[in-house]
Amino acid sequence: MTDTHSAAQDYVDEMARARGYVLDYHKVMAAQDFPVLRATNGLVEAAYLDQRTLDRRTKELIFIVSLTVMRASKGHIQSHIRVALDLGVTAREILEAIEIALPEAGIVAFQTGFDAWREVVGASGLEPTVEAHEGGSGA
């Protein structure tokens, strides 16, 4: 293993420890353009990981809502939901945070976060007892 490869691997491992997750782009950037990964991660560390005024639980909820509003990938939203749960945030608290997307971003953005949440926490719903067409995950 080269020194650069070893340093990149150590960096990805530390990212996983600090964040509780690593995204696919982190892994690929570590192998393909390690200096840029370090630079972008520096911003994330300052805004998200470094302990300042907001605690990590609050930051996770903010991340979940902002990713929901931006309609980020389900996997990205789920990574923050899992970290929030690991930090002791309840499934209900996460749902309430995601619901904040409704008035500002609308039902379609809300459904992005809701579907991610539902899969992670295993939430189930009620089935109608009358005949109805399957509506999927839409409104």
N, C-alpha and C. Protein backbone atom coordinates (compact mmCIF):
# COMPACT_ATOMS: atom_id res chain seq x y z
N MET A 1 0.84 -1.17 0.00
CA MET A 1 0.00 0.00 0.00
C MET A 1 0.89 1.24 0.00
N THR A 2 0.60 2.21 -0.88
CA THR A 2 1.40 3.43 -0.93
C THR A 2 1.06 4.30 0.27
N ASP A 3 1.97 5.25 0.53
CA ASP A 3 1.73 6.18 1.65
C ASP A 3 0.45 6.98 1.44
N THR A 4 0.20 7.43 0.20
CA THR A 4 -1.01 8.20 -0.09
C THR A 4 -2.25 7.35 0.11
N HIS A 5 -2.20 6.11 -0.38
CA HIS A 5 -3.34 5.21 -0.22
C HIS A 5 -3.59 4.94 1.26
N SER A 6 -2.55 4.72 2.01
CA SER A 6 -2.67 4.45 3.44
C SER A 6 -3.24 5.67 4.17
N ALA A 7 -2.78 6.86 3.81
CA ALA A 7 -3.29 8.09 4.43
C ALA A 7 -4.77 8.28 4.10
N ALA A 8 -5.13 8.01 2.86
CA ALA A 8 -6.53 8.15 2.44
C ALA A 8 -7.41 7.15 3.18
N GLN A 9 -6.93 5.91 3.33
CA GLN A 9 -7.70 4.90 4.06
C GLN A 9 -7.89 5.31 5.52
N ASP A 10 -6.81 5.79 6.14
CA ASP A 10 -6.90 6.26 7.53
C ASP A 10 -7.91 7.40 7.64
N TYR A 11 -7.91 8.28 6.66
CA TYR A 11 -8.82 9.44 6.65
C TYR A 11 -10.28 8.98 6.56
N VAL A 12 -10.57 8.04 5.66
CA VAL A 12 -11.93 7.51 5.52
C VAL A 12 -12.36 6.81 6.81
N ASP A 13 -11.47 6.07 7.42
CA ASP A 13 -11.79 5.40 8.68
C ASP A 13 -12.12 6.42 9.77
N GLU A 14 -11.36 7.50 9.82
CA GLU A 14 -11.61 8.55 10.82
C GLU A 14 -12.93 9.27 10.51
N MET A 15 -13.23 9.49 9.24
CA MET A 15 -14.52 10.08 8.87
C MET A 15 -15.66 9.21 9.39
N ALA A 16 -15.53 7.91 9.21
CA ALA A 16 -16.57 6.98 9.66
C ALA A 16 -16.74 7.05 11.17
N ARG A 17 -15.62 7.12 11.90
CA ARG A 17 -15.70 7.22 13.36
C ARG A 17 -16.36 8.53 13.78
N ALA A 18 -15.97 9.64 13.17
CA ALA A 18 -16.46 10.96 13.58
C ALA A 18 -17.92 11.18 13.19
N ARG A 19 -18.30 10.72 12.00
CA ARG A 19 -19.65 10.98 11.49
C ARG A 19 -20.64 9.88 11.85
N GLY A 20 -20.15 8.65 11.91
CA GLY A 20 -21.04 7.52 12.09
C GLY A 20 -21.50 6.94 10.76
N TYR A 21 -21.05 7.48 9.66
CA TYR A 21 -21.38 7.00 8.32
C TYR A 21 -20.33 7.54 7.36
N VAL A 22 -20.25 6.96 6.18
CA VAL A 22 -19.43 7.45 5.08
C VAL A 22 -20.25 7.25 3.81
N LEU A 23 -20.35 8.28 3.01
CA LEU A 23 -21.10 8.20 1.75
C LEU A 23 -20.23 7.62 0.65
N ASP A 24 -20.86 7.12 -0.39
CA ASP A 24 -20.12 6.54 -1.51
C ASP A 24 -19.14 7.55 -2.11
N TYR A 25 -19.56 8.80 -2.24
CA TYR A 25 -18.66 9.78 -2.85
C TYR A 25 -17.42 10.01 -1.98
N HIS A 26 -17.54 9.87 -0.67
CA HIS A 26 -16.36 9.98 0.20
C HIS A 26 -15.34 8.90 -0.14
N LYS A 27 -15.83 7.69 -0.31
CA LYS A 27 -14.95 6.55 -0.59
C LYS A 27 -14.23 6.72 -1.93
N VAL A 28 -14.99 7.13 -2.93
CA VAL A 28 -14.40 7.28 -4.27
C VAL A 28 -13.44 8.47 -4.30
N MET A 29 -13.83 9.58 -3.69
CA MET A 29 -12.94 10.74 -3.67
C MET A 29 -11.65 10.44 -2.90
N ALA A 30 -11.73 9.64 -1.86
CA ALA A 30 -10.52 9.28 -1.12
C ALA A 30 -9.53 8.58 -2.03
N ALA A 31 -10.05 7.74 -2.92
CA ALA A 31 -9.18 7.00 -3.83
C ALA A 31 -8.77 7.81 -5.06
N GLN A 32 -9.65 8.72 -5.49
CA GLN A 32 -9.42 9.40 -6.77
C GLN A 32 -8.89 10.82 -6.64
N ASP A 33 -9.26 11.55 -5.61
CA ASP A 33 -8.80 12.93 -5.43
C ASP A 33 -8.81 13.27 -3.94
N PHE A 34 -7.90 12.66 -3.23
CA PHE A 34 -7.82 12.78 -1.79
C PHE A 34 -7.68 14.24 -1.31
N PRO A 35 -6.87 15.09 -1.96
CA PRO A 35 -6.77 16.49 -1.50
C PRO A 35 -8.11 17.24 -1.52
N VAL A 36 -8.93 16.98 -2.53
CA VAL A 36 -10.23 17.67 -2.60
C VAL A 36 -11.17 17.13 -1.52
N LEU A 37 -11.13 15.83 -1.27
CA LEU A 37 -11.93 15.28 -0.19
C LEU A 37 -11.55 15.93 1.14
N ARG A 38 -10.28 16.05 1.40
CA ARG A 38 -9.83 16.69 2.65
C ARG A 38 -10.33 18.13 2.73
N ALA A 39 -10.26 18.85 1.62
CA ALA A 39 -10.69 20.26 1.61
C ALA A 39 -12.19 20.38 1.87
N THR A 40 -12.99 19.57 1.18
CA THR A 40 -14.44 19.66 1.39
C THR A 40 -14.83 19.17 2.77
N ASN A 41 -14.15 18.18 3.26
CA ASN A 41 -14.45 17.67 4.59
C ASN A 41 -14.10 18.69 5.67
N GLY A 42 -13.13 19.55 5.41
CA GLY A 42 -12.79 20.59 6.37
C GLY A 42 -13.96 21.51 6.64
N LEU A 43 -14.70 21.86 5.60
CA LEU A 43 -15.89 22.69 5.76
C LEU A 43 -16.95 21.96 6.57
N VAL A 44 -17.16 20.68 6.25
CA VAL A 44 -18.14 19.88 6.97
C VAL A 44 -17.76 19.77 8.45
N GLU A 45 -16.48 19.57 8.72
CA GLU A 45 -16.05 19.48 10.12
C GLU A 45 -16.35 20.77 10.87
N ALA A 46 -16.05 21.92 10.25
CA ALA A 46 -16.28 23.20 10.92
C ALA A 46 -17.76 23.47 11.16
N ALA A 47 -18.59 23.18 10.17
CA ALA A 47 -20.01 23.51 10.28
C ALA A 47 -20.83 22.45 11.00
N TYR A 48 -20.41 21.20 10.94
CA TYR A 48 -21.25 20.10 11.40
C TYR A 48 -20.64 19.30 12.54
N LEU A 49 -19.40 18.91 12.42
CA LEU A 49 -18.82 17.99 13.41
C LEU A 49 -18.22 18.69 14.63
N ASP A 50 -17.61 19.86 14.43
CA ASP A 50 -17.00 20.55 15.57
C ASP A 50 -18.08 20.98 16.55
N GLN A 51 -17.83 20.75 17.84
CA GLN A 51 -18.79 21.16 18.87
C GLN A 51 -18.70 22.67 19.05
N ARG A 52 -19.80 23.32 18.75
CA ARG A 52 -19.90 24.77 18.96
C ARG A 52 -21.13 25.02 19.81
N THR A 53 -22.06 25.79 19.38
CA THR A 53 -23.24 26.09 20.19
C THR A 53 -24.30 25.01 20.09
N LEU A 54 -24.60 24.56 18.87
CA LEU A 54 -25.62 23.52 18.68
C LEU A 54 -25.04 22.15 18.98
N ASP A 55 -25.84 21.31 19.64
CA ASP A 55 -25.37 19.96 19.92
C ASP A 55 -25.57 19.08 18.68
N ARG A 56 -24.98 17.92 18.70
CA ARG A 56 -24.99 17.02 17.54
C ARG A 56 -26.40 16.54 17.21
N ARG A 57 -27.24 16.31 18.22
CA ARG A 57 -28.62 15.88 17.97
C ARG A 57 -29.36 16.94 17.15
N THR A 58 -29.23 18.19 17.55
CA THR A 58 -29.89 19.28 16.84
C THR A 58 -29.36 19.38 15.42
N LYS A 59 -28.06 19.26 15.26
CA LYS A 59 -27.47 19.34 13.92
C LYS A 59 -27.98 18.22 13.02
N GLU A 60 -28.15 17.03 13.59
CA GLU A 60 -28.67 15.91 12.79
C GLU A 60 -30.09 16.20 12.32
N LEU A 61 -30.93 16.73 13.20
CA LEU A 61 -32.29 17.08 12.80
C LEU A 61 -32.30 18.15 11.71
N ILE A 62 -31.43 19.13 11.85
CA ILE A 62 -31.33 20.17 10.81
C ILE A 62 -30.88 19.56 9.50
N PHE A 63 -29.90 18.69 9.55
CA PHE A 63 -29.43 18.01 8.34
C PHE A 63 -30.56 17.21 7.69
N ILE A 64 -31.31 16.47 8.49
CA ILE A 64 -32.40 15.65 7.95
C ILE A 64 -33.42 16.53 7.24
N VAL A 65 -33.80 17.64 7.86
CA VAL A 65 -34.78 18.53 7.24
C VAL A 65 -34.21 19.17 5.98
N SER A 66 -32.97 19.66 6.05
CA SER A 66 -32.41 20.33 4.87
C SER A 66 -32.22 19.35 3.72
N LEU A 67 -31.81 18.14 4.00
CA LEU A 67 -31.68 17.14 2.94
C LEU A 67 -33.04 16.76 2.38
N THR A 68 -34.06 16.72 3.24
CA THR A 68 -35.42 16.43 2.78
C THR A 68 -35.90 17.53 1.83
N VAL A 69 -35.73 18.77 2.23
CA VAL A 69 -36.16 19.91 1.41
C VAL A 69 -35.44 19.92 0.07
N MET A 70 -34.17 19.53 0.08
CA MET A 70 -33.38 19.50 -1.15
C MET A 70 -33.63 18.24 -1.98
N ARG A 71 -34.44 17.33 -1.44
CA ARG A 71 -34.73 16.06 -2.10
C ARG A 71 -33.45 15.28 -2.38
N ALA A 72 -32.62 15.21 -1.38
CA ALA A 72 -31.38 14.44 -1.47
C ALA A 72 -31.72 12.96 -1.65
N SER A 73 -30.73 12.18 -1.95
CA SER A 73 -30.97 10.74 -2.13
C SER A 73 -31.46 10.13 -0.82
N LYS A 74 -32.27 9.11 -0.95
CA LYS A 74 -32.82 8.42 0.22
C LYS A 74 -31.68 7.93 1.13
N GLY A 75 -30.64 7.37 0.53
CA GLY A 75 -29.52 6.85 1.32
C GLY A 75 -28.83 7.93 2.14
N HIS A 76 -28.70 9.12 1.57
CA HIS A 76 -28.05 10.22 2.29
C HIS A 76 -28.91 10.64 3.48
N ILE A 77 -30.20 10.79 3.26
CA ILE A 77 -31.10 11.15 4.36
C ILE A 77 -31.07 10.05 5.42
N GLN A 78 -31.12 8.80 4.99
CA GLN A 78 -31.13 7.69 5.94
C GLN A 78 -29.86 7.63 6.77
N SER A 79 -28.72 8.01 6.21
CA SER A 79 -27.49 7.99 7.00
C SER A 79 -27.61 8.94 8.19
N HIS A 80 -28.22 10.10 7.98
CA HIS A 80 -28.39 11.05 9.08
C HIS A 80 -29.50 10.61 10.04
N ILE A 81 -30.53 9.96 9.54
CA ILE A 81 -31.56 9.41 10.42
C ILE A 81 -30.95 8.37 11.34
N ARG A 82 -30.12 7.50 10.81
CA ARG A 82 -29.48 6.46 11.64
C ARG A 82 -28.58 7.06 12.71
N VAL A 83 -27.80 8.09 12.32
CA VAL A 83 -26.93 8.73 13.30
C VAL A 83 -27.79 9.40 14.38
N ALA A 84 -28.87 10.06 13.98
CA ALA A 84 -29.75 10.70 14.96
C ALA A 84 -30.30 9.67 15.94
N LEU A 85 -30.75 8.55 15.42
CA LEU A 85 -31.25 7.48 16.30
C LEU A 85 -30.16 7.00 17.25
N ASP A 86 -28.94 6.84 16.72
CA ASP A 86 -27.81 6.43 17.56
C ASP A 86 -27.55 7.44 18.68
N LEU A 87 -27.84 8.71 18.42
CA LEU A 87 -27.62 9.77 19.40
C LEU A 87 -28.78 9.91 20.38
N GLY A 88 -29.80 9.07 20.23
CA GLY A 88 -30.92 9.09 21.16
C GLY A 88 -32.11 9.91 20.71
N VAL A 89 -32.07 10.46 19.51
CA VAL A 89 -33.24 11.15 18.98
C VAL A 89 -34.30 10.08 18.69
N THR A 90 -35.53 10.35 19.06
CA THR A 90 -36.58 9.35 18.85
C THR A 90 -37.08 9.38 17.41
N ALA A 91 -37.68 8.29 17.00
CA ALA A 91 -38.27 8.23 15.66
C ALA A 91 -39.33 9.31 15.50
N ARG A 92 -40.10 9.55 16.54
CA ARG A 92 -41.14 10.59 16.49
C ARG A 92 -40.54 11.98 16.33
N GLU A 93 -39.46 12.26 17.04
CA GLU A 93 -38.80 13.57 16.90
C GLU A 93 -38.29 13.77 15.48
N ILE A 94 -37.75 12.72 14.89
CA ILE A 94 -37.26 12.80 13.51
C ILE A 94 -38.43 13.05 12.56
N LEU A 95 -39.53 12.34 12.75
CA LEU A 95 -40.71 12.55 11.91
C LEU A 95 -41.19 13.99 12.03
N GLU A 96 -41.27 14.52 13.24
CA GLU A 96 -41.71 15.91 13.42
C GLU A 96 -40.77 16.88 12.71
N ALA A 97 -39.49 16.61 12.73
CA ALA A 97 -38.54 17.46 12.01
C ALA A 97 -38.80 17.41 10.51
N ILE A 98 -39.00 16.20 9.99
CA ILE A 98 -39.27 16.04 8.55
C ILE A 98 -40.56 16.75 8.17
N GLU A 99 -41.54 16.74 9.05
CA GLU A 99 -42.82 17.40 8.77
C GLU A 99 -42.67 18.90 8.60
N ILE A 100 -41.61 19.48 9.13
CA ILE A 100 -41.36 20.91 8.94
C ILE A 100 -41.18 21.25 7.46
N ALA A 101 -40.79 20.27 6.67
CA ALA A 101 -40.61 20.50 5.22
C ALA A 101 -41.94 20.78 4.52
N LEU A 102 -43.05 20.31 5.09
CA LEU A 102 -44.35 20.44 4.43
C LEU A 102 -44.73 21.88 4.05
N PRO A 103 -44.76 22.82 4.99
CA PRO A 103 -45.22 24.16 4.61
C PRO A 103 -44.26 24.91 3.68
N GLU A 104 -42.99 24.63 3.78
CA GLU A 104 -42.02 25.38 2.99
C GLU A 104 -41.66 24.72 1.66
N ALA A 105 -41.61 23.40 1.63
CA ALA A 105 -41.14 22.71 0.42
C ALA A 105 -42.22 21.86 -0.24
N GLY A 106 -43.31 21.59 0.46
CA GLY A 106 -44.41 20.85 -0.13
C GLY A 106 -44.37 19.35 0.10
N ILE A 107 -45.44 18.72 -0.34
CA ILE A 107 -45.65 17.28 -0.09
C ILE A 107 -44.62 16.41 -0.79
N VAL A 108 -44.20 16.79 -2.00
CA VAL A 108 -43.26 15.94 -2.74
C VAL A 108 -41.91 15.89 -2.02
N ALA A 109 -41.43 17.04 -1.57
CA ALA A 109 -40.17 17.05 -0.81
C ALA A 109 -40.35 16.29 0.51
N PHE A 110 -41.46 16.53 1.20
CA PHE A 110 -41.74 15.82 2.46
C PHE A 110 -41.68 14.31 2.26
N GLN A 111 -42.28 13.82 1.17
CA GLN A 111 -42.32 12.38 0.92
C GLN A 111 -40.93 11.78 0.76
N THR A 112 -39.99 12.56 0.24
CA THR A 112 -38.62 12.08 0.11
C THR A 112 -38.06 11.72 1.49
N GLY A 113 -38.19 12.64 2.43
CA GLY A 113 -37.70 12.38 3.79
C GLY A 113 -38.53 11.36 4.52
N PHE A 114 -39.85 11.43 4.32
CA PHE A 114 -40.75 10.49 4.99
C PHE A 114 -40.45 9.06 4.58
N ASP A 115 -40.27 8.81 3.28
CA ASP A 115 -39.97 7.46 2.81
C ASP A 115 -38.64 6.95 3.37
N ALA A 116 -37.66 7.83 3.45
CA ALA A 116 -36.37 7.45 4.04
C ALA A 116 -36.57 7.08 5.51
N TRP A 117 -37.31 7.91 6.24
CA TRP A 117 -37.59 7.67 7.66
C TRP A 117 -38.35 6.36 7.86
N ARG A 118 -39.41 6.17 7.07
CA ARG A 118 -40.26 4.98 7.20
C ARG A 118 -39.45 3.70 7.05
N GLU A 119 -38.56 3.67 6.08
CA GLU A 119 -37.73 2.48 5.87
C GLU A 119 -36.78 2.23 7.03
N VAL A 120 -36.16 3.30 7.54
CA VAL A 120 -35.19 3.12 8.62
C VAL A 120 -35.87 2.65 9.91
N VAL A 121 -36.99 3.27 10.26
CA VAL A 121 -37.62 2.94 11.55
C VAL A 121 -38.64 1.82 11.44
N GLY A 122 -38.94 1.38 10.22
CA GLY A 122 -39.88 0.28 10.03
C GLY A 122 -41.32 0.65 10.33
N ALA A 123 -41.67 1.91 10.10
CA ALA A 123 -43.03 2.36 10.38
C ALA A 123 -44.02 1.72 9.41
N SER A 124 -45.16 1.33 9.93
CA SER A 124 -46.21 0.76 9.09
C SER A 124 -47.44 1.65 9.17
N GLY A 125 -48.36 1.41 8.26
CA GLY A 125 -49.57 2.22 8.22
C GLY A 125 -50.82 1.36 8.35
N LEU A 126 -51.94 2.00 8.16
CA LEU A 126 -53.23 1.32 8.20
C LEU A 126 -53.71 1.11 6.77
N GLU A 127 -54.24 -0.04 6.50
CA GLU A 127 -54.81 -0.33 5.19
C GLU A 127 -56.30 -0.02 5.22
N PRO A 128 -56.84 0.52 4.14
CA PRO A 128 -58.28 0.78 4.12
C PRO A 128 -59.07 -0.53 4.21
N THR A 129 -60.21 -0.46 4.82
CA THR A 129 -61.07 -1.64 4.91
C THR A 129 -62.13 -1.64 3.82
N VAL A 130 -62.06 -0.65 2.94
CA VAL A 130 -62.96 -0.56 1.79
C VAL A 130 -62.12 -0.66 0.52
N GLU A 131 -62.77 -0.96 -0.59
CA GLU A 131 -62.07 -1.11 -1.85
C GLU A 131 -61.47 0.23 -2.29
N ALA A 132 -60.20 0.21 -2.66
CA ALA A 132 -59.52 1.43 -3.10
C ALA A 132 -58.36 1.05 -4.00
N HIS A 133 -58.02 1.94 -4.92
CA HIS A 133 -56.85 1.72 -5.77
C HIS A 133 -55.58 1.98 -4.94
N GLU A 134 -54.51 1.28 -5.29
CA GLU A 134 -53.22 1.48 -4.65
C GLU A 134 -52.70 2.86 -5.04
N GLY A 135 -52.34 3.66 -4.05
CA GLY A 135 -51.89 5.02 -4.34
C GLY A 135 -50.38 5.18 -4.35
N GLY A 136 -49.62 4.14 -4.05
CA GLY A 136 -48.17 4.30 -4.00
C GLY A 136 -47.78 5.21 -2.85
N SER A 137 -46.73 5.98 -3.05
CA SER A 137 -46.28 6.87 -1.98
C SER A 137 -46.66 8.32 -2.26
N GLY A 138 -47.55 8.56 -3.19
CA GLY A 138 -47.96 9.92 -3.52
C GLY A 138 -49.00 10.45 -2.56
N ALA A 139 -49.45 11.67 -2.83
CA ALA A 139 -50.46 12.34 -2.00
C ALA A 139 -51.77 11.66 -2.21
